[in-house]
N, C-alpha and C. Protein backbone atom coordinates (compact mmCIF):
# COMPACT_ATOMS: atom_id res chain seq x y z
N UNK A 1 153.58 153.35 110.51
CA UNK A 1 154.41 154.32 111.20
C UNK A 1 153.58 155.19 112.02
N UNK A 2 153.93 155.32 113.30
CA UNK A 2 153.18 156.15 114.25
C UNK A 2 153.30 157.63 114.02
N UNK A 3 152.30 158.33 114.14
CA UNK A 3 152.30 159.84 113.99
C UNK A 3 152.16 160.42 115.44
N UNK A 4 152.41 161.73 115.48
CA UNK A 4 152.26 162.39 116.75
C UNK A 4 150.77 162.43 117.13
N UNK A 5 149.93 162.60 116.20
CA UNK A 5 148.43 162.64 116.56
C UNK A 5 147.98 161.25 117.01
N UNK A 6 148.50 160.17 116.36
CA UNK A 6 148.14 158.83 116.73
C UNK A 6 148.67 158.55 118.13
N UNK A 7 149.88 159.01 118.46
CA UNK A 7 150.44 158.76 119.76
C UNK A 7 149.63 159.55 120.81
N UNK A 8 149.23 160.82 120.44
CA UNK A 8 148.47 161.66 121.46
C UNK A 8 147.11 161.00 121.69
N UNK A 9 146.50 160.45 120.62
CA UNK A 9 145.18 159.79 120.82
C UNK A 9 145.35 158.47 121.74
N UNK A 10 146.36 157.70 121.47
CA UNK A 10 146.65 156.63 122.27
C UNK A 10 146.92 156.93 123.68
N UNK A 11 147.64 158.00 123.95
CA UNK A 11 147.91 158.44 125.31
C UNK A 11 146.65 158.90 126.01
N UNK A 12 145.76 159.60 125.18
CA UNK A 12 144.49 160.00 125.65
C UNK A 12 143.47 158.91 126.03
N UNK A 13 143.48 157.86 125.23
CA UNK A 13 142.71 156.73 125.49
C UNK A 13 143.15 155.98 126.76
N UNK A 14 144.43 155.79 126.85
CA UNK A 14 144.99 155.09 127.95
C UNK A 14 144.77 155.86 129.28
N UNK A 15 144.84 157.27 129.20
CA UNK A 15 144.52 158.05 130.38
C UNK A 15 143.12 157.97 130.72
N UNK A 16 142.20 158.01 129.74
CA UNK A 16 140.81 157.96 130.10
C UNK A 16 140.43 156.57 130.67
N UNK A 17 141.00 155.46 130.12
CA UNK A 17 140.83 154.15 130.68
C UNK A 17 141.27 154.05 132.08
N UNK A 18 142.42 154.63 132.35
CA UNK A 18 143.00 154.61 133.74
C UNK A 18 142.09 155.45 134.67
N UNK A 19 141.57 156.56 134.20
CA UNK A 19 140.75 157.38 134.99
C UNK A 19 139.46 156.63 135.32
N UNK A 20 138.83 156.11 134.24
CA UNK A 20 137.48 155.47 134.37
C UNK A 20 137.54 154.23 135.27
N UNK A 21 138.64 153.57 135.41
CA UNK A 21 138.81 152.36 136.23
C UNK A 21 139.55 152.69 137.57
N UNK A 22 139.66 153.93 137.88
CA UNK A 22 140.36 154.39 139.09
C UNK A 22 141.79 153.74 139.17
N UNK A 23 142.53 153.80 138.08
CA UNK A 23 143.87 153.36 138.08
C UNK A 23 143.95 151.79 137.96
N UNK A 24 142.87 151.27 137.30
CA UNK A 24 142.74 149.85 137.07
C UNK A 24 142.70 149.00 138.37
N UNK A 25 142.14 149.68 139.44
CA UNK A 25 142.07 148.96 140.72
C UNK A 25 141.24 147.70 140.69
N UNK A 26 140.13 147.64 139.95
CA UNK A 26 139.42 146.30 139.93
C UNK A 26 140.23 145.14 139.45
N UNK A 27 140.94 145.39 138.31
CA UNK A 27 141.82 144.35 137.77
C UNK A 27 142.95 143.96 138.76
N UNK A 28 143.53 144.90 139.46
CA UNK A 28 144.50 144.60 140.37
C UNK A 28 143.97 143.85 141.61
N UNK A 29 142.77 144.24 141.99
CA UNK A 29 142.06 143.60 143.09
C UNK A 29 141.80 142.13 142.77
N UNK A 30 141.36 141.84 141.50
CA UNK A 30 141.05 140.49 141.12
C UNK A 30 142.32 139.65 141.17
N UNK A 31 143.38 140.21 140.64
CA UNK A 31 144.75 139.52 140.64
C UNK A 31 145.10 139.20 142.13
N UNK A 32 144.96 140.10 142.99
CA UNK A 32 145.32 139.89 144.45
C UNK A 32 144.41 138.85 145.02
N UNK A 33 143.10 138.89 144.72
CA UNK A 33 142.24 137.91 145.36
C UNK A 33 142.45 136.54 144.83
N UNK A 34 142.79 136.41 143.53
CA UNK A 34 143.19 135.17 142.90
C UNK A 34 144.40 134.56 143.63
N UNK A 35 145.40 135.38 143.91
CA UNK A 35 146.62 134.88 144.50
C UNK A 35 146.38 134.49 145.91
N UNK A 36 145.59 135.31 146.70
CA UNK A 36 145.26 134.90 148.12
C UNK A 36 144.63 133.52 148.15
N UNK A 37 143.59 133.25 147.33
CA UNK A 37 142.89 131.96 147.38
C UNK A 37 143.80 130.85 146.87
N UNK A 38 144.70 131.12 145.93
CA UNK A 38 145.61 130.07 145.58
C UNK A 38 146.57 129.72 146.65
N UNK A 39 147.04 130.69 147.33
CA UNK A 39 147.95 130.42 148.49
C UNK A 39 147.21 129.71 149.58
N UNK A 40 145.96 130.18 149.97
CA UNK A 40 145.24 129.47 150.98
C UNK A 40 144.95 128.02 150.63
N UNK A 41 144.63 127.76 149.38
CA UNK A 41 144.38 126.36 148.97
C UNK A 41 145.57 125.49 148.96
N UNK A 42 146.65 126.07 148.51
CA UNK A 42 147.94 125.43 148.37
C UNK A 42 148.49 125.04 149.81
N UNK A 43 148.51 125.97 150.65
CA UNK A 43 148.98 125.81 152.02
C UNK A 43 148.13 124.85 152.78
N UNK A 44 146.79 124.92 152.64
CA UNK A 44 145.90 124.04 153.29
C UNK A 44 146.05 122.57 152.80
N UNK A 45 146.27 122.43 151.56
CA UNK A 45 146.52 121.09 151.00
C UNK A 45 147.86 120.54 151.57
N UNK A 46 148.85 121.43 151.53
CA UNK A 46 150.18 120.90 152.10
C UNK A 46 150.05 120.44 153.53
N UNK A 47 149.39 121.23 154.36
CA UNK A 47 149.11 120.90 155.74
C UNK A 47 148.33 119.56 155.89
N UNK A 48 147.37 119.44 155.04
CA UNK A 48 146.61 118.21 155.01
C UNK A 48 147.43 116.94 154.68
N UNK A 49 148.40 117.14 153.68
CA UNK A 49 149.27 116.07 153.23
C UNK A 49 150.20 115.76 154.39
N UNK A 50 150.69 116.80 155.05
CA UNK A 50 151.60 116.59 156.13
C UNK A 50 150.96 115.85 157.27
N UNK A 51 149.76 116.25 157.58
CA UNK A 51 149.03 115.56 158.65
C UNK A 51 148.77 114.07 158.27
N UNK A 52 148.40 113.79 156.96
CA UNK A 52 148.13 112.48 156.52
C UNK A 52 149.42 111.68 156.55
N UNK A 53 150.48 112.21 156.18
CA UNK A 53 151.80 111.41 156.24
C UNK A 53 152.24 111.09 157.65
N UNK A 54 152.04 112.10 158.55
CA UNK A 54 152.41 111.84 159.96
C UNK A 54 151.45 110.74 160.54
N UNK A 55 150.17 110.77 160.17
CA UNK A 55 149.30 109.71 160.70
C UNK A 55 149.66 108.37 160.16
N UNK A 56 150.00 108.29 158.90
CA UNK A 56 150.40 106.98 158.23
C UNK A 56 151.59 106.47 158.92
N UNK A 57 152.50 107.31 159.41
CA UNK A 57 153.77 106.89 160.08
C UNK A 57 153.42 106.50 161.59
N UNK A 58 152.25 106.76 162.04
CA UNK A 58 151.99 106.54 163.44
C UNK A 58 152.49 107.55 164.42
N UNK A 59 152.89 108.70 164.00
CA UNK A 59 153.46 109.71 164.86
C UNK A 59 152.33 110.43 165.67
N UNK A 60 152.63 110.68 166.85
CA UNK A 60 151.74 111.43 167.74
C UNK A 60 152.49 112.53 168.45
N UNK A 61 151.69 113.52 168.95
CA UNK A 61 152.34 114.57 169.81
C UNK A 61 153.39 115.40 169.19
N UNK A 62 154.47 115.56 169.92
CA UNK A 62 155.57 116.48 169.52
C UNK A 62 156.26 115.89 168.26
N UNK A 63 156.38 114.63 168.13
CA UNK A 63 157.14 114.03 166.94
C UNK A 63 156.24 114.25 165.73
N UNK A 64 154.88 114.16 165.79
CA UNK A 64 154.08 114.44 164.69
C UNK A 64 154.19 116.01 164.34
N UNK A 65 154.19 116.83 165.28
CA UNK A 65 154.29 118.27 165.09
C UNK A 65 155.57 118.57 164.37
N UNK A 66 156.74 118.00 164.84
CA UNK A 66 158.06 118.17 164.23
C UNK A 66 158.08 117.64 162.87
N UNK A 67 157.46 116.46 162.62
CA UNK A 67 157.44 115.91 161.21
C UNK A 67 156.66 116.83 160.32
N UNK A 68 155.49 117.30 160.78
CA UNK A 68 154.64 118.17 159.98
C UNK A 68 155.41 119.46 159.58
N UNK A 69 156.11 120.02 160.62
CA UNK A 69 156.87 121.28 160.38
C UNK A 69 157.94 121.07 159.33
N UNK A 70 158.70 119.97 159.45
CA UNK A 70 159.69 119.64 158.50
C UNK A 70 159.09 119.43 157.07
N UNK A 71 157.95 118.79 157.05
CA UNK A 71 157.31 118.62 155.79
C UNK A 71 156.96 119.96 155.15
N UNK A 72 156.39 120.88 155.95
CA UNK A 72 156.00 122.11 155.41
C UNK A 72 157.24 122.99 154.92
N UNK A 73 158.38 122.89 155.68
CA UNK A 73 159.54 123.58 155.29
C UNK A 73 160.17 123.08 154.01
N UNK A 74 160.12 121.79 153.88
CA UNK A 74 160.69 121.14 152.62
C UNK A 74 159.75 120.02 152.17
N UNK A 75 158.66 120.50 151.50
CA UNK A 75 157.69 119.49 151.07
C UNK A 75 158.18 118.68 149.89
N UNK A 76 157.75 117.40 149.77
CA UNK A 76 158.20 116.58 148.63
C UNK A 76 157.60 117.22 147.35
N UNK A 77 158.25 116.98 146.19
CA UNK A 77 157.81 117.47 144.96
C UNK A 77 156.41 117.05 144.56
N UNK A 78 156.06 115.84 144.91
CA UNK A 78 154.69 115.37 144.59
C UNK A 78 153.62 116.14 145.34
N UNK A 79 153.95 116.45 146.65
CA UNK A 79 153.04 117.15 147.46
C UNK A 79 152.89 118.60 146.93
N UNK A 80 153.90 119.25 146.49
CA UNK A 80 153.89 120.51 145.87
C UNK A 80 152.99 120.53 144.66
N UNK A 81 153.22 119.52 143.80
CA UNK A 81 152.41 119.42 142.60
C UNK A 81 150.90 119.21 142.84
N UNK A 82 150.58 118.37 143.87
CA UNK A 82 149.19 118.09 144.27
C UNK A 82 148.61 119.39 144.78
N UNK A 83 149.35 120.17 145.62
CA UNK A 83 148.86 121.36 146.21
C UNK A 83 148.64 122.49 145.09
N UNK A 84 149.58 122.50 144.18
CA UNK A 84 149.41 123.51 143.10
C UNK A 84 148.23 123.20 142.27
N UNK A 85 148.00 121.88 141.95
CA UNK A 85 146.85 121.44 141.13
C UNK A 85 145.57 121.86 141.87
N UNK A 86 145.47 121.66 143.22
CA UNK A 86 144.28 122.04 143.92
C UNK A 86 144.08 123.53 143.90
N UNK A 87 145.21 124.31 144.01
CA UNK A 87 145.06 125.72 144.04
C UNK A 87 144.60 126.25 142.66
N UNK A 88 145.04 125.58 141.57
CA UNK A 88 144.45 126.01 140.24
C UNK A 88 142.95 125.59 140.10
N UNK A 89 142.67 124.51 140.73
CA UNK A 89 141.15 124.00 140.63
C UNK A 89 140.24 124.94 141.43
N UNK A 90 140.72 125.35 142.59
CA UNK A 90 139.91 126.14 143.49
C UNK A 90 139.73 127.55 142.83
N UNK A 91 140.67 128.05 142.13
CA UNK A 91 140.51 129.33 141.49
C UNK A 91 140.06 129.24 140.02
N UNK A 92 139.62 128.02 139.59
CA UNK A 92 139.07 127.78 138.30
C UNK A 92 140.08 128.02 137.21
N UNK A 93 141.41 127.78 137.45
CA UNK A 93 142.44 128.04 136.40
C UNK A 93 143.08 126.85 135.90
N UNK A 94 142.63 125.69 136.19
CA UNK A 94 143.23 124.48 135.75
C UNK A 94 143.18 124.42 134.16
N UNK A 95 144.11 123.76 133.53
CA UNK A 95 144.11 123.70 132.09
C UNK A 95 142.91 122.93 131.57
N UNK A 96 142.38 123.23 130.46
CA UNK A 96 141.35 122.45 129.86
C UNK A 96 141.81 121.24 129.19
N UNK A 97 141.68 120.11 129.84
CA UNK A 97 142.20 118.86 129.40
C UNK A 97 141.22 117.99 128.62
N UNK A 98 139.92 118.26 128.75
CA UNK A 98 138.99 117.38 128.04
C UNK A 98 139.02 117.82 126.52
N UNK A 99 138.61 116.92 125.68
CA UNK A 99 138.47 117.19 124.25
C UNK A 99 137.49 118.33 124.05
N UNK A 100 136.40 118.31 124.66
CA UNK A 100 135.43 119.44 124.53
C UNK A 100 136.03 120.85 125.00
N UNK A 101 136.68 120.77 126.09
CA UNK A 101 137.28 121.99 126.58
C UNK A 101 138.40 122.59 125.60
N UNK A 102 139.26 121.68 125.11
CA UNK A 102 140.24 122.16 124.17
C UNK A 102 139.54 122.72 122.84
N UNK A 103 138.47 122.09 122.45
CA UNK A 103 137.84 122.49 121.25
C UNK A 103 137.22 123.88 121.38
N UNK A 104 136.48 124.04 122.61
CA UNK A 104 135.91 125.31 122.86
C UNK A 104 136.95 126.41 122.95
N UNK A 105 138.09 126.15 123.61
CA UNK A 105 139.12 127.10 123.78
C UNK A 105 139.79 127.47 122.47
N UNK A 106 139.97 126.52 121.62
CA UNK A 106 140.58 126.79 120.23
C UNK A 106 139.63 127.57 119.43
N UNK A 107 138.31 127.30 119.53
CA UNK A 107 137.27 128.03 118.81
C UNK A 107 137.24 129.57 119.30
N UNK A 108 137.37 129.71 120.56
CA UNK A 108 137.36 131.04 121.14
C UNK A 108 138.51 131.88 120.72
N UNK A 109 139.60 131.28 120.22
CA UNK A 109 140.75 132.02 119.73
C UNK A 109 140.73 132.45 118.26
N UNK A 110 139.73 131.86 117.59
CA UNK A 110 139.65 132.11 116.15
C UNK A 110 139.05 133.49 115.77
N UNK A 111 139.77 134.15 114.84
CA UNK A 111 139.28 135.43 114.29
C UNK A 111 138.54 136.32 115.21
N UNK A 112 137.30 136.66 114.81
CA UNK A 112 136.49 137.65 115.55
C UNK A 112 135.96 137.08 116.85
N UNK A 113 135.92 135.72 117.04
CA UNK A 113 135.46 135.16 118.25
C UNK A 113 136.24 135.61 119.50
N UNK A 114 137.55 135.85 119.36
CA UNK A 114 138.28 136.28 120.45
C UNK A 114 137.83 137.63 120.99
N UNK A 115 137.10 138.44 120.26
CA UNK A 115 136.45 139.57 120.77
C UNK A 115 135.24 139.38 121.58
N UNK A 116 134.49 138.33 121.25
CA UNK A 116 133.24 137.96 121.90
C UNK A 116 133.46 137.09 123.09
N UNK A 117 134.51 136.23 123.07
CA UNK A 117 134.77 135.32 124.10
C UNK A 117 136.32 135.58 124.56
N UNK A 118 136.61 136.59 125.25
CA UNK A 118 138.03 136.93 125.52
C UNK A 118 138.68 135.89 126.43
N UNK A 119 137.92 135.21 127.19
CA UNK A 119 138.49 134.15 128.01
C UNK A 119 137.42 133.04 128.16
N UNK A 120 137.89 131.88 128.23
CA UNK A 120 137.02 130.71 128.27
C UNK A 120 137.31 129.76 129.37
N UNK A 121 138.59 129.77 129.82
CA UNK A 121 139.05 128.86 130.89
C UNK A 121 138.17 128.91 132.19
N UNK A 122 138.03 130.05 132.71
CA UNK A 122 137.29 130.21 133.96
C UNK A 122 135.83 129.84 133.87
N UNK A 123 135.10 130.37 132.88
CA UNK A 123 133.71 129.95 132.82
C UNK A 123 133.46 128.41 132.52
N UNK A 124 134.37 127.92 131.67
CA UNK A 124 134.29 126.49 131.40
C UNK A 124 134.58 125.65 132.65
N UNK A 125 135.66 126.02 133.40
CA UNK A 125 135.94 125.36 134.63
C UNK A 125 134.86 125.53 135.69
N UNK A 126 134.23 126.61 135.74
CA UNK A 126 133.14 126.89 136.73
C UNK A 126 131.95 125.94 136.45
N UNK A 127 131.67 125.80 135.04
CA UNK A 127 130.56 124.91 134.66
C UNK A 127 130.92 123.50 134.96
N UNK A 128 132.20 123.07 134.71
CA UNK A 128 132.67 121.67 134.94
C UNK A 128 132.66 121.40 136.51
N UNK A 129 133.13 122.42 137.28
CA UNK A 129 133.07 122.27 138.72
C UNK A 129 131.63 122.06 139.25
N UNK A 130 130.67 122.82 138.73
CA UNK A 130 129.32 122.64 139.12
C UNK A 130 128.74 121.38 138.69
N UNK A 131 129.18 120.91 137.51
CA UNK A 131 128.64 119.61 136.97
C UNK A 131 129.09 118.42 137.82
N UNK A 132 130.30 118.54 138.41
CA UNK A 132 130.80 117.53 139.29
C UNK A 132 129.95 117.30 140.57
N UNK A 133 129.02 118.31 140.82
CA UNK A 133 128.18 118.24 142.02
C UNK A 133 126.79 117.92 141.62
N UNK A 134 126.56 117.30 140.52
CA UNK A 134 125.23 116.82 140.16
C UNK A 134 125.15 115.36 140.00
N UNK A 135 124.03 114.76 139.92
CA UNK A 135 123.87 113.32 139.72
C UNK A 135 124.44 112.83 138.39
N UNK A 136 124.74 113.77 137.47
CA UNK A 136 125.38 113.42 136.22
C UNK A 136 126.91 113.39 136.27
N UNK A 137 127.42 113.59 137.38
CA UNK A 137 128.91 113.50 137.60
C UNK A 137 129.57 112.19 137.17
N UNK A 138 128.85 111.02 137.38
CA UNK A 138 129.46 109.79 136.91
C UNK A 138 129.77 109.76 135.39
N UNK A 139 129.20 110.58 134.61
CA UNK A 139 129.49 110.68 133.19
C UNK A 139 130.80 111.30 132.89
N UNK A 140 131.39 112.00 133.86
CA UNK A 140 132.67 112.75 133.61
C UNK A 140 133.87 111.82 133.73
N UNK A 141 134.91 112.15 133.01
CA UNK A 141 136.15 111.35 133.03
C UNK A 141 136.83 111.45 134.45
N UNK A 142 136.72 112.66 134.99
CA UNK A 142 137.34 112.92 136.37
C UNK A 142 136.72 111.97 137.36
N UNK A 143 135.43 111.90 137.44
CA UNK A 143 134.82 111.04 138.35
C UNK A 143 135.12 109.58 138.13
N UNK A 144 135.06 109.18 136.81
CA UNK A 144 135.39 107.77 136.57
C UNK A 144 136.84 107.36 136.90
N UNK A 145 137.76 108.30 136.67
CA UNK A 145 139.14 108.04 137.10
C UNK A 145 139.24 107.97 138.59
N UNK A 146 138.61 108.82 139.29
CA UNK A 146 138.63 108.75 140.73
C UNK A 146 138.05 107.47 141.30
N UNK A 147 136.97 106.96 140.72
CA UNK A 147 136.31 105.74 141.16
C UNK A 147 137.18 104.53 140.80
N UNK A 148 137.93 104.67 139.70
CA UNK A 148 138.73 103.58 139.26
C UNK A 148 139.99 103.49 140.06
N UNK A 149 140.73 104.54 140.23
CA UNK A 149 142.10 104.51 140.91
C UNK A 149 142.33 105.44 141.98
N UNK A 150 141.33 106.15 142.50
CA UNK A 150 141.49 107.03 143.64
C UNK A 150 141.55 106.35 144.89
N UNK A 151 141.93 107.04 145.94
CA UNK A 151 142.00 106.46 147.34
C UNK A 151 140.55 106.51 147.91
N UNK A 152 140.33 105.82 149.02
CA UNK A 152 138.97 105.74 149.52
C UNK A 152 138.52 107.16 149.92
N UNK A 153 139.43 108.01 150.40
CA UNK A 153 139.02 109.38 150.70
C UNK A 153 138.66 110.14 149.55
N UNK A 154 139.33 109.99 148.40
CA UNK A 154 138.98 110.58 147.14
C UNK A 154 137.67 110.14 146.65
N UNK A 155 137.38 108.93 146.72
CA UNK A 155 136.10 108.36 146.24
C UNK A 155 135.01 108.89 147.15
N UNK A 156 135.23 108.93 148.44
CA UNK A 156 134.20 109.47 149.31
C UNK A 156 133.87 110.92 149.05
N UNK A 157 134.88 111.79 148.75
CA UNK A 157 134.74 113.15 148.43
C UNK A 157 133.88 113.30 147.11
N UNK A 158 134.23 112.50 146.13
CA UNK A 158 133.49 112.52 144.82
C UNK A 158 131.96 112.22 145.01
N UNK A 159 131.69 111.22 145.89
CA UNK A 159 130.39 110.88 146.13
C UNK A 159 129.63 111.93 147.01
N UNK A 160 130.38 112.51 148.01
CA UNK A 160 129.78 113.60 148.77
C UNK A 160 129.55 114.78 147.91
N UNK A 161 130.34 115.10 146.96
CA UNK A 161 130.01 116.27 146.00
C UNK A 161 128.65 116.10 145.36
N UNK A 162 128.40 114.92 144.96
CA UNK A 162 127.07 114.61 144.24
C UNK A 162 125.98 114.76 145.28
N UNK A 163 126.17 114.24 146.44
CA UNK A 163 125.10 114.33 147.51
C UNK A 163 124.83 115.70 147.89
N UNK A 164 125.89 116.48 148.15
CA UNK A 164 125.73 117.86 148.61
C UNK A 164 125.22 118.79 147.51
N UNK A 165 125.69 118.57 146.27
CA UNK A 165 125.20 119.39 145.14
C UNK A 165 123.71 119.06 144.94
N UNK A 166 123.37 117.84 144.98
CA UNK A 166 121.92 117.54 144.78
C UNK A 166 121.03 118.06 145.89
N UNK A 167 121.54 118.01 147.08
CA UNK A 167 120.76 118.52 148.22
C UNK A 167 120.64 120.04 148.08
N UNK A 168 121.66 120.68 147.71
CA UNK A 168 121.60 122.17 147.53
C UNK A 168 120.65 122.56 146.39
N UNK A 169 120.70 121.84 145.29
CA UNK A 169 119.81 122.11 144.17
C UNK A 169 118.37 121.89 144.59
N UNK A 170 118.13 120.77 145.27
CA UNK A 170 116.84 120.53 145.73
C UNK A 170 116.19 121.60 146.62
N UNK A 171 117.05 122.05 147.57
CA UNK A 171 116.62 123.19 148.51
C UNK A 171 116.34 124.48 147.67
N UNK A 172 117.22 124.72 146.71
CA UNK A 172 117.02 125.96 145.92
C UNK A 172 115.71 125.75 145.05
N UNK A 173 115.50 124.57 144.55
CA UNK A 173 114.25 124.32 143.75
C UNK A 173 113.02 124.48 144.58
N UNK A 174 113.02 123.95 145.79
CA UNK A 174 111.86 124.10 146.68
C UNK A 174 111.68 125.60 147.05
N UNK A 175 112.75 126.33 147.30
CA UNK A 175 112.61 127.71 147.60
C UNK A 175 112.01 128.50 146.45
N UNK A 176 112.49 128.19 145.31
CA UNK A 176 111.99 128.89 144.08
C UNK A 176 110.57 128.52 143.70
N UNK A 177 110.16 127.26 144.02
CA UNK A 177 108.75 126.88 143.80
C UNK A 177 107.87 127.57 144.80
């Protein structure tokens, strides 16, 4: 049962937290930034899919532009799903589907661990994203699935990630040395 003193203390702590964070502006800014990048990634992917579909149909000039506009106004459900998946991946918010990821997330929710690891999805996805850009990427299920059943473009992107990540790591290594 709440008491007046308890309520007053809670109000005071809330006011102090609001004052110390300037009205929780950093949290609101992170939410805004996350939304902006999700929208940019989603819309970019939809435009890319529209362009690809117009190209597959052999459309050129005004007919291609009209097709792409219609595609953007009323995109197919599969295109929306693909764009949303990319938006979650770009902002490191995709669900943890690997067995290790689910295990780590469930462990982070247990008892006192939730105080030490308040969130796990973003850091885990950041590590996984970086791992996809190393020579060890072929060990991942995502890479193996792409190589097995992906399009030529998806396979090329997966291989380019490894090359670019390795080149970047080599350059940083030389600079550090």
